[in-house]
């Protein structure tokens, strides 16, 4: 069952704005001081809504989005800030040499909201982020752990049954793909879900990559109920039980979202 935000760009944008104001920016502020002079890069910015609370503070921002239609939408939704020069929306691959040449060591804060689980070769990507940070900068990362009930993003399925079916994305690839086909999912949706099966990331794997590449983790929140579910389903956000959050691997199955602030050691 496709949710409203999957069909309505304005609804999706407003959910990003509300989530950014109520949860994302306050979490970051607990662990990294954001001021009007903070320069912000949002990688995978989508419709640009996450940038609104930072723009409202006076931050100069850049959003980079690989999918051109979403970059166009972001420019439309943020048109006043675009016209004033406070935000720039770029349709580009972050790995392109031109992007690195233009933005090397330009940002105090990098945002990765529901993006890292879509990026191949995270072992390369996470250390690569350092190239865009100023000394003393920070990275916010928020993602759904792969093993959580809907970590495969199956909520995008048109089948109401599959969109609510928990954990079936953990089945072997041939069986998973076969079920998606059996329920008549579109080829594009199947391709997207199979790609996420290759790139989904666990809590432990993320933290292992972070530590290996000389980052520190001054901020970390685990959520039993993802804050974005407040806008999607009307469910009240709830942090994960401390005892469950302390159990490696098992916590992935019952944690619907994690928030991190990471900084470069030294």
C-alpha atoms as a PDB file:
ATOM      1  CA  UNK A   1       0.000   0.000   0.000  1.00  0.00           C
ATOM      2  CA  UNK A   2       1.681   3.196  -1.160  1.00  0.00           C
ATOM      3  CA  UNK A   3       1.513   5.835   1.567  1.00  0.00           C
ATOM      4  CA  UNK A   4       0.422   9.403   0.816  1.00  0.00           C
ATOM      5  CA  UNK A   5       3.956  10.781   1.093  1.00  0.00           C
ATOM      6  CA  UNK A   6       5.077   8.379  -1.644  1.00  0.00           C
ATOM      7  CA  UNK A   7       2.561   9.979  -4.036  1.00  0.00           C
ATOM      8  CA  UNK A   8       2.401  13.587  -2.884  1.00  0.00           C
ATOM      9  CA  UNK A   9       5.624  15.602  -3.119  1.00  0.00           C
ATOM     10  CA  UNK A  10       4.289  18.442  -0.961  1.00  0.00           C
ATOM     11  CA  UNK A  11       3.335  16.056   1.847  1.00  0.00           C
ATOM     12  CA  UNK A  12       6.757  14.402   1.720  1.00  0.00           C
ATOM     13  CA  UNK A  13       8.461  17.795   1.787  1.00  0.00           C
ATOM     14  CA  UNK A  14       6.429  18.989   4.780  1.00  0.00           C
ATOM     15  CA  UNK A  15       7.199  15.792   6.691  1.00  0.00           C
ATOM     16  CA  UNK A  16      10.896  16.454   6.110  1.00  0.00           C
ATOM     17  CA  UNK A  17      10.491  20.011   7.403  1.00  0.00           C
ATOM     18  CA  UNK A  18       8.586  18.950  10.536  1.00  0.00           C
ATOM     19  CA  UNK A  19      10.989  16.110  11.305  1.00  0.00           C
ATOM     20  CA  UNK A  20      13.961  18.424  10.845  1.00  0.00           C
ATOM     21  CA  UNK A  21      12.551  21.061  13.183  1.00  0.00           C
ATOM     22  CA  UNK A  22      11.307  18.761  15.935  1.00  0.00           C
ATOM     23  CA  UNK A  23      13.928  16.027  16.023  1.00  0.00           C
ATOM     24  CA  UNK A  24      16.900  16.271  13.678  1.00  0.00           C
ATOM     25  CA  UNK A  25      18.171  19.775  14.482  1.00  0.00           C
ATOM     26  CA  UNK A  26      17.531  19.490  18.265  1.00  0.00           C
ATOM     27  CA  UNK A  27      19.441  16.195  18.327  1.00  0.00           C
ATOM     28  CA  UNK A  28      22.391  17.701  16.460  1.00  0.00           C
ATOM     29  CA  UNK A  29      22.391  20.745  18.759  1.00  0.00           C
ATOM     30  CA  UNK A  30      22.875  18.466  21.755  1.00  0.00           C
ATOM     31  CA  UNK A  31      26.209  17.278  20.367  1.00  0.00           C
ATOM     32  CA  UNK A  32      27.394  19.925  17.881  1.00  0.00           C
ATOM     33  CA  UNK A  33      26.704  23.645  18.083  1.00  0.00           C
ATOM     34  CA  UNK A  34      24.857  24.953  15.036  1.00  0.00           C
ATOM     35  CA  UNK A  35      24.792  28.723  14.510  1.00  0.00           C
ATOM     36  CA  UNK A  36      23.970  31.111  11.695  1.00  0.00           C
ATOM     37  CA  UNK A  37      27.586  30.838  10.535  1.00  0.00           C
ATOM     38  CA  UNK A  38      27.406  27.035  10.164  1.00  0.00           C
ATOM     39  CA  UNK A  39      27.747  25.953   6.558  1.00  0.00           C
ATOM     40  CA  UNK A  40      25.643  22.855   5.847  1.00  0.00           C
ATOM     41  CA  UNK A  41      25.798  20.170   3.143  1.00  0.00           C
ATOM     42  CA  UNK A  42      22.803  17.838   2.763  1.00  0.00           C
ATOM     43  CA  UNK A  43      23.770  14.777   0.710  1.00  0.00           C
ATOM     44  CA  UNK A  44      20.754  13.121  -0.888  1.00  0.00           C
ATOM     45  CA  UNK A  45      18.641  16.151  -0.011  1.00  0.00           C
ATOM     46  CA  UNK A  46      15.507  14.938  -1.820  1.00  0.00           C
ATOM     47  CA  UNK A  47      12.879  17.684  -1.776  1.00  0.00           C
ATOM     48  CA  UNK A  48      15.051  19.798   0.520  1.00  0.00           C
ATOM     49  CA  UNK A  49      12.750  19.911   3.543  1.00  0.00           C
ATOM     50  CA  UNK A  50      15.424  18.843   6.030  1.00  0.00           C
ATOM     51  CA  UNK A  51      17.347  22.033   5.246  1.00  0.00           C
ATOM     52  CA  UNK A  52      14.512  24.381   6.265  1.00  0.00           C
ATOM     53  CA  UNK A  53      15.309  24.592  10.013  1.00  0.00           C
ATOM     54  CA  UNK A  54      18.951  25.334   9.182  1.00  0.00           C
ATOM     55  CA  UNK A  55      17.981  27.972   6.646  1.00  0.00           C
ATOM     56  CA  UNK A  56      15.628  29.519   9.201  1.00  0.00           C
ATOM     57  CA  UNK A  57      18.620  29.872  11.536  1.00  0.00           C
ATOM     58  CA  UNK A  58      20.519  31.730   8.821  1.00  0.00           C
ATOM     59  CA  UNK A  59      22.862  28.915   7.768  1.00  0.00           C
ATOM     60  CA  UNK A  60      24.193  28.900   4.214  1.00  0.00           C
ATOM     61  CA  UNK A  61      23.326  25.488   2.782  1.00  0.00           C
ATOM     62  CA  UNK A  62      24.001  23.231  -0.170  1.00  0.00           C
ATOM     63  CA  UNK A  63      21.831  20.284  -1.137  1.00  0.00           C
ATOM     64  CA  UNK A  64      23.167  17.652  -3.501  1.00  0.00           C
ATOM     65  CA  UNK A  65      20.721  15.225  -5.095  1.00  0.00           C
ATOM     66  CA  UNK A  66      21.505  12.548  -7.678  1.00  0.00           C
ATOM     67  CA  UNK A  67      17.905  12.154  -8.938  1.00  0.00           C
ATOM     68  CA  UNK A  68      17.178  15.204 -11.093  1.00  0.00           C
ATOM     69  CA  UNK A  69      13.350  15.355 -10.635  1.00  0.00           C
ATOM     70  CA  UNK A  70      13.804  15.595  -6.854  1.00  0.00           C
ATOM     71  CA  UNK A  71      16.487  18.270  -7.245  1.00  0.00           C
ATOM     72  CA  UNK A  72      14.037  20.276  -9.368  1.00  0.00           C
ATOM     73  CA  UNK A  73      11.383  19.906  -6.672  1.00  0.00           C
ATOM     74  CA  UNK A  74      13.851  21.049  -4.016  1.00  0.00           C
ATOM     75  CA  UNK A  75      14.593  24.217  -5.983  1.00  0.00           C
ATOM     76  CA  UNK A  76      10.859  24.881  -6.236  1.00  0.00           C
ATOM     77  CA  UNK A  77      10.120  24.276  -2.552  1.00  0.00           C
ATOM     78  CA  UNK A  78      13.135  26.356  -1.476  1.00  0.00           C
ATOM     79  CA  UNK A  79      12.749  28.964  -4.208  1.00  0.00           C
ATOM     80  CA  UNK A  80      12.910  31.967  -1.862  1.00  0.00           C
ATOM     81  CA  UNK A  81      16.178  30.745  -0.341  1.00  0.00           C
ATOM     82  CA  UNK A  82      17.542  29.832  -3.785  1.00  0.00           C
ATOM     83  CA  UNK A  83      16.789  33.321  -5.097  1.00  0.00           C
ATOM     84  CA  UNK A  84      18.441  34.964  -2.093  1.00  0.00           C
ATOM     85  CA  UNK A  85      21.554  32.810  -2.543  1.00  0.00           C
ATOM     86  CA  UNK A  86      21.270  31.200   0.874  1.00  0.00           C
ATOM     87  CA  UNK A  87      20.896  27.697  -0.566  1.00  0.00           C
ATOM     88  CA  UNK A  88      22.198  25.973  -3.675  1.00  0.00           C
ATOM     89  CA  UNK A  89      20.661  22.718  -4.948  1.00  0.00           C
ATOM     90  CA  UNK A  90      23.010  20.628  -7.064  1.00  0.00           C
ATOM     91  CA  UNK A  91      22.027  17.705  -9.295  1.00  0.00           C
ATOM     92  CA  UNK A  92      25.293  15.786  -9.151  1.00  0.00           C
ATOM     93  CA  UNK A  93      26.991  12.617  -7.969  1.00  0.00           C
ATOM     94  CA  UNK A  94      28.948  13.365  -4.788  1.00  0.00           C
ATOM     95  CA  UNK A  95      31.783  11.181  -6.111  1.00  0.00           C
ATOM     96  CA  UNK A  96      32.304  13.357  -9.211  1.00  0.00           C
ATOM     97  CA  UNK A  97      35.646  15.121  -9.264  1.00  0.00           C
ATOM     98  CA  UNK A  98      33.895  18.419  -9.975  1.00  0.00           C
ATOM     99  CA  UNK A  99      31.910  18.133  -6.738  1.00  0.00           C
ATOM    100  CA  UNK A 100      35.017  17.429  -4.696  1.00  0.00           C
ATOM    101  CA  UNK A 101      36.994  20.207  -6.383  1.00  0.00           C
ATOM    102  CA  UNK A 102      34.248  22.761  -5.655  1.00  0.00           C
ATOM    103  CA  UNK A 103      33.337  21.729  -2.118  1.00  0.00           C
ATOM    104  CA  UNK A 104      36.521  20.289  -0.599  1.00  0.00           C
ATOM    105  CA  UNK A 105      36.709  21.229   3.117  1.00  0.00           C
ATOM    106  CA  UNK A 106      33.869  23.741   2.734  1.00  0.00           C
ATOM    107  CA  UNK A 107      31.330  22.512   5.317  1.00  0.00           C
ATOM    108  CA  UNK A 108      30.937  22.562   9.074  1.00  0.00           C
ATOM    109  CA  UNK A 109      28.089  20.051   9.059  1.00  0.00           C
ATOM    110  CA  UNK A 110      27.073  17.266   6.672  1.00  0.00           C
ATOM    111  CA  UNK A 111      23.582  15.742   6.792  1.00  0.00           C
ATOM    112  CA  UNK A 112      22.782  12.174   5.723  1.00  0.00           C
ATOM    113  CA  UNK A 113      19.102  11.595   6.506  1.00  0.00           C
ATOM    114  CA  UNK A 114      17.845   8.192   5.278  1.00  0.00           C
ATOM    115  CA  UNK A 115      20.623   8.101   2.703  1.00  0.00           C
ATOM    116  CA  UNK A 116      23.469   5.860   3.900  1.00  0.00           C
ATOM    117  CA  UNK A 117      21.347   2.699   3.475  1.00  0.00           C
ATOM    118  CA  UNK A 118      21.037   3.471  -0.264  1.00  0.00           C
ATOM    119  CA  UNK A 119      24.734   4.065  -0.966  1.00  0.00           C
ATOM    120  CA  UNK A 120      26.924   1.249  -2.317  1.00  0.00           C
ATOM    121  CA  UNK A 121      30.404   0.724  -0.881  1.00  0.00           C
ATOM    122  CA  UNK A 122      29.854   2.447   2.447  1.00  0.00           C
ATOM    123  CA  UNK A 123      33.415   1.512   3.453  1.00  0.00           C
ATOM    124  CA  UNK A 124      34.586   3.983   0.826  1.00  0.00           C
ATOM    125  CA  UNK A 125      31.858   6.573   1.309  1.00  0.00           C
ATOM    126  CA  UNK A 126      32.086   7.198   5.067  1.00  0.00           C
ATOM    127  CA  UNK A 127      35.808   8.120   5.075  1.00  0.00           C
ATOM    128  CA  UNK A 128      35.265  10.085   1.832  1.00  0.00           C
ATOM    129  CA  UNK A 129      33.026  12.506   3.749  1.00  0.00           C
ATOM    130  CA  UNK A 130      36.088  13.896   5.515  1.00  0.00           C
ATOM    131  CA  UNK A 131      37.120  15.566   2.272  1.00  0.00           C
ATOM    132  CA  UNK A 132      34.123  17.916   2.515  1.00  0.00           C
ATOM    133  CA  UNK A 133      34.442  18.812   6.204  1.00  0.00           C
ATOM    134  CA  UNK A 134      36.191  21.801   7.676  1.00  0.00           C
ATOM    135  CA  UNK A 135      38.451  21.059  10.661  1.00  0.00           C
ATOM    136  CA  UNK A 136      36.230  20.466  13.671  1.00  0.00           C
ATOM    137  CA  UNK A 137      33.203  19.679  11.514  1.00  0.00           C
ATOM    138  CA  UNK A 138      30.574  17.004  12.137  1.00  0.00           C
ATOM    139  CA  UNK A 139      28.345  14.565  10.246  1.00  0.00           C
ATOM    140  CA  UNK A 140      24.758  13.711  11.144  1.00  0.00           C
ATOM    141  CA  UNK A 141      23.662  10.237  10.001  1.00  0.00           C
ATOM    142  CA  UNK A 142      20.147   8.846  10.409  1.00  0.00           C
ATOM    143  CA  UNK A 143      19.035   5.510   8.983  1.00  0.00           C
ATOM    144  CA  UNK A 144      16.789   2.479   9.561  1.00  0.00           C
ATOM    145  CA  UNK A 145      18.876  -0.578  10.494  1.00  0.00           C
ATOM    146  CA  UNK A 146      18.653  -3.267   7.818  1.00  0.00           C
ATOM    147  CA  UNK A 147      17.254  -5.939  10.132  1.00  0.00           C
ATOM    148  CA  UNK A 148      14.401  -3.843  11.508  1.00  0.00           C
ATOM    149  CA  UNK A 149      10.840  -4.929  10.536  1.00  0.00           C
ATOM    150  CA  UNK A 150      10.696  -2.761   7.394  1.00  0.00           C
ATOM    151  CA  UNK A 151      14.414  -2.238   6.817  1.00  0.00           C
ATOM    152  CA  UNK A 152      13.979  -3.329   3.208  1.00  0.00           C
ATOM    153  CA  UNK A 153      11.721  -0.310   2.496  1.00  0.00           C
ATOM    154  CA  UNK A 154       8.917  -2.688   1.528  1.00  0.00           C
ATOM    155  CA  UNK A 155       6.425  -0.005   2.566  1.00  0.00           C
ATOM    156  CA  UNK A 156       6.726   1.280  -1.022  1.00  0.00           C
ATOM    157  CA  UNK A 157       5.034  -1.883  -2.313  1.00  0.00           C
ATOM    158  CA  UNK A 158       1.603  -1.418  -3.890  1.00  0.00           C
ATOM    159  CA  UNK A 159       0.446  -4.614  -2.182  1.00  0.00           C
ATOM    160  CA  UNK A 160      -1.041  -3.691   1.205  1.00  0.00           C
ATOM    161  CA  UNK A 161      -0.088  -7.130   2.537  1.00  0.00           C
ATOM    162  CA  UNK A 162       3.578  -6.845   1.525  1.00  0.00           C
ATOM    163  CA  UNK A 163       3.883  -3.213   2.627  1.00  0.00           C
ATOM    164  CA  UNK A 164       3.028  -4.231   6.197  1.00  0.00           C
ATOM    165  CA  UNK A 165       4.723  -7.645   6.215  1.00  0.00           C
ATOM    166  CA  UNK A 166       7.703  -7.409   8.611  1.00  0.00           C
ATOM    167  CA  UNK A 167      11.138  -8.899   8.048  1.00  0.00           C
ATOM    168  CA  UNK A 168      10.377 -10.697   4.781  1.00  0.00           C
ATOM    169  CA  UNK A 169      13.114  -8.627   3.120  1.00  0.00           C
ATOM    170  CA  UNK A 170      15.586 -10.843   5.020  1.00  0.00           C
ATOM    171  CA  UNK A 171      14.662 -13.863   2.889  1.00  0.00           C
ATOM    172  CA  UNK A 172      17.239 -15.105   0.338  1.00  0.00           C
ATOM    173  CA  UNK A 173      17.304 -12.974  -2.806  1.00  0.00           C
ATOM    174  CA  UNK A 174      15.610 -15.463  -5.180  1.00  0.00           C
ATOM    175  CA  UNK A 175      12.739 -16.074  -2.748  1.00  0.00           C
ATOM    176  CA  UNK A 176      12.376 -12.380  -1.894  1.00  0.00           C
ATOM    177  CA  UNK A 177      12.283 -11.382  -5.564  1.00  0.00           C
ATOM    178  CA  UNK A 178       9.888 -14.215  -6.363  1.00  0.00           C
ATOM    179  CA  UNK A 179       7.406 -13.053  -3.711  1.00  0.00           C
ATOM    180  CA  UNK A 180       7.555  -9.484  -5.015  1.00  0.00           C
ATOM    181  CA  UNK A 181       6.813 -10.723  -8.536  1.00  0.00           C
ATOM    182  CA  UNK A 182       4.052 -13.039  -7.338  1.00  0.00           C
ATOM    183  CA  UNK A 183       2.237 -10.085  -5.768  1.00  0.00           C
ATOM    184  CA  UNK A 184       2.537  -8.071  -8.987  1.00  0.00           C
ATOM    185  CA  UNK A 185       4.983  -5.408  -7.887  1.00  0.00           C
ATOM    186  CA  UNK A 186       6.278  -3.132 -10.621  1.00  0.00           C
ATOM    187  CA  UNK A 187       9.683  -3.939 -12.095  1.00  0.00           C
ATOM    188  CA  UNK A 188      11.045  -0.548 -10.995  1.00  0.00           C
ATOM    189  CA  UNK A 189       9.951  -1.189  -7.403  1.00  0.00           C
ATOM    190  CA  UNK A 190      11.466  -4.676  -7.433  1.00  0.00           C
ATOM    191  CA  UNK A 191      14.751  -3.277  -8.739  1.00  0.00           C
ATOM    192  CA  UNK A 192      14.767  -0.583  -6.029  1.00  0.00           C
ATOM    193  CA  UNK A 193      14.086  -3.101  -3.260  1.00  0.00           C
ATOM    194  CA  UNK A 194      16.734  -5.499  -4.530  1.00  0.00           C
ATOM    195  CA  UNK A 195      19.284  -2.662  -4.606  1.00  0.00           C
ATOM    196  CA  UNK A 196      18.454  -1.790  -1.005  1.00  0.00           C
ATOM    197  CA  UNK A 197      18.965  -5.444  -0.106  1.00  0.00           C
ATOM    198  CA  UNK A 198      22.557  -5.006  -1.322  1.00  0.00           C
ATOM    199  CA  UNK A 199      23.172  -1.669   0.448  1.00  0.00           C
ATOM    200  CA  UNK A 200      21.188  -1.949   3.708  1.00  0.00           C
ATOM    201  CA  UNK A 201      23.380  -1.407   6.754  1.00  0.00           C
ATOM    202  CA  UNK A 202      23.267  -2.629  10.347  1.00  0.00           C
ATOM    203  CA  UNK A 203      24.112  -0.701  13.508  1.00  0.00           C
ATOM    204  CA  UNK A 204      27.226  -2.776  14.116  1.00  0.00           C
ATOM    205  CA  UNK A 205      28.510  -2.460  10.569  1.00  0.00           C
ATOM    206  CA  UNK A 206      28.034   1.297  10.554  1.00  0.00           C
ATOM    207  CA  UNK A 207      29.817   1.736  13.879  1.00  0.00           C
ATOM    208  CA  UNK A 208      32.619  -0.578  12.791  1.00  0.00           C
ATOM    209  CA  UNK A 209      33.260   1.516   9.668  1.00  0.00           C
ATOM    210  CA  UNK A 210      33.110   4.736  11.693  1.00  0.00           C
ATOM    211  CA  UNK A 211      35.637   3.542  14.263  1.00  0.00           C
ATOM    212  CA  UNK A 212      37.926   2.048  11.633  1.00  0.00           C
ATOM    213  CA  UNK A 213      38.146   5.425   9.888  1.00  0.00           C
ATOM    214  CA  UNK A 214      39.102   7.481  12.947  1.00  0.00           C
ATOM    215  CA  UNK A 215      35.735   9.034  13.724  1.00  0.00           C
ATOM    216  CA  UNK A 216      34.268   9.581  17.172  1.00  0.00           C
ATOM    217  CA  UNK A 217      30.561   9.258  18.047  1.00  0.00           C
ATOM    218  CA  UNK A 218      29.634  12.049  20.489  1.00  0.00           C
ATOM    219  CA  UNK A 219      25.923  11.552  19.806  1.00  0.00           C
ATOM    220  CA  UNK A 220      23.778   8.447  19.361  1.00  0.00           C
ATOM    221  CA  UNK A 221      20.023   7.841  19.681  1.00  0.00           C
ATOM    222  CA  UNK A 222      18.164   4.586  19.056  1.00  0.00           C
ATOM    223  CA  UNK A 223      14.427   4.711  18.426  1.00  0.00           C
ATOM    224  CA  UNK A 224      11.902   1.981  19.031  1.00  0.00           C
ATOM    225  CA  UNK A 225       9.453   4.130  17.056  1.00  0.00           C
ATOM    226  CA  UNK A 226      11.017   6.309  14.367  1.00  0.00           C
ATOM    227  CA  UNK A 227      10.155  10.033  14.780  1.00  0.00           C
ATOM    228  CA  UNK A 228       9.064  10.160  11.136  1.00  0.00           C
ATOM    229  CA  UNK A 229       6.292   7.659  11.962  1.00  0.00           C
ATOM    230  CA  UNK A 230       4.567  10.497  13.786  1.00  0.00           C
ATOM    231  CA  UNK A 231       3.801  12.063  10.412  1.00  0.00           C
ATOM    232  CA  UNK A 232       3.330   8.861   8.469  1.00  0.00           C
ATOM    233  CA  UNK A 233       1.133   6.895  10.858  1.00  0.00           C
ATOM    234  CA  UNK A 234       0.334   9.168  13.799  1.00  0.00           C
ATOM    235  CA  UNK A 235       2.514   7.056  16.130  1.00  0.00           C
ATOM    236  CA  UNK A 236       4.224   8.812  19.008  1.00  0.00           C
ATOM    237  CA  UNK A 237       8.054   8.606  18.753  1.00  0.00           C
ATOM    238  CA  UNK A 238       9.700   6.515  21.427  1.00  0.00           C
ATOM    239  CA  UNK A 239      13.358   5.908  22.172  1.00  0.00           C
ATOM    240  CA  UNK A 240      14.601   2.360  22.370  1.00  0.00           C
ATOM    241  CA  UNK A 241      14.714   0.613  25.762  1.00  0.00           C
ATOM    242  CA  UNK A 242      18.235   1.061  27.125  1.00  0.00           C
ATOM    243  CA  UNK A 243      18.619  -2.621  27.919  1.00  0.00           C
ATOM    244  CA  UNK A 244      17.630  -3.601  24.370  1.00  0.00           C
ATOM    245  CA  UNK A 245      19.808  -0.921  22.772  1.00  0.00           C
ATOM    246  CA  UNK A 246      22.768  -2.452  24.633  1.00  0.00           C
ATOM    247  CA  UNK A 247      22.371  -5.919  23.031  1.00  0.00           C
ATOM    248  CA  UNK A 248      24.458  -6.109  19.830  1.00  0.00           C
ATOM    249  CA  UNK A 249      22.752  -7.486  16.724  1.00  0.00           C
ATOM    250  CA  UNK A 250      19.437  -8.231  18.480  1.00  0.00           C
ATOM    251  CA  UNK A 251      18.778  -4.485  18.782  1.00  0.00           C
ATOM    252  CA  UNK A 252      18.724  -4.187  14.985  1.00  0.00           C
ATOM    253  CA  UNK A 253      15.502  -6.203  14.743  1.00  0.00           C
ATOM    254  CA  UNK A 254      13.539  -3.868  17.013  1.00  0.00           C
ATOM    255  CA  UNK A 255      15.130  -0.472  16.404  1.00  0.00           C
ATOM    256  CA  UNK A 256      13.356   1.360  13.589  1.00  0.00           C
ATOM    257  CA  UNK A 257      15.774   4.283  13.370  1.00  0.00           C
ATOM    258  CA  UNK A 258      19.159   5.437  14.647  1.00  0.00           C
ATOM    259  CA  UNK A 259      20.566   8.963  14.835  1.00  0.00           C
ATOM    260  CA  UNK A 260      24.300   9.674  15.051  1.00  0.00           C
ATOM    261  CA  UNK A 261      26.580  12.674  15.219  1.00  0.00           C
ATOM    262  CA  UNK A 262      30.114  11.694  14.265  1.00  0.00           C
ATOM    263  CA  UNK A 263      33.270  13.805  14.257  1.00  0.00           C
ATOM    264  CA  UNK A 264      36.835  13.254  13.095  1.00  0.00           C
ATOM    265  CA  UNK A 265      39.230  12.321  15.886  1.00  0.00           C
ATOM    266  CA  UNK A 266      41.608  15.079  16.822  1.00  0.00           C
END
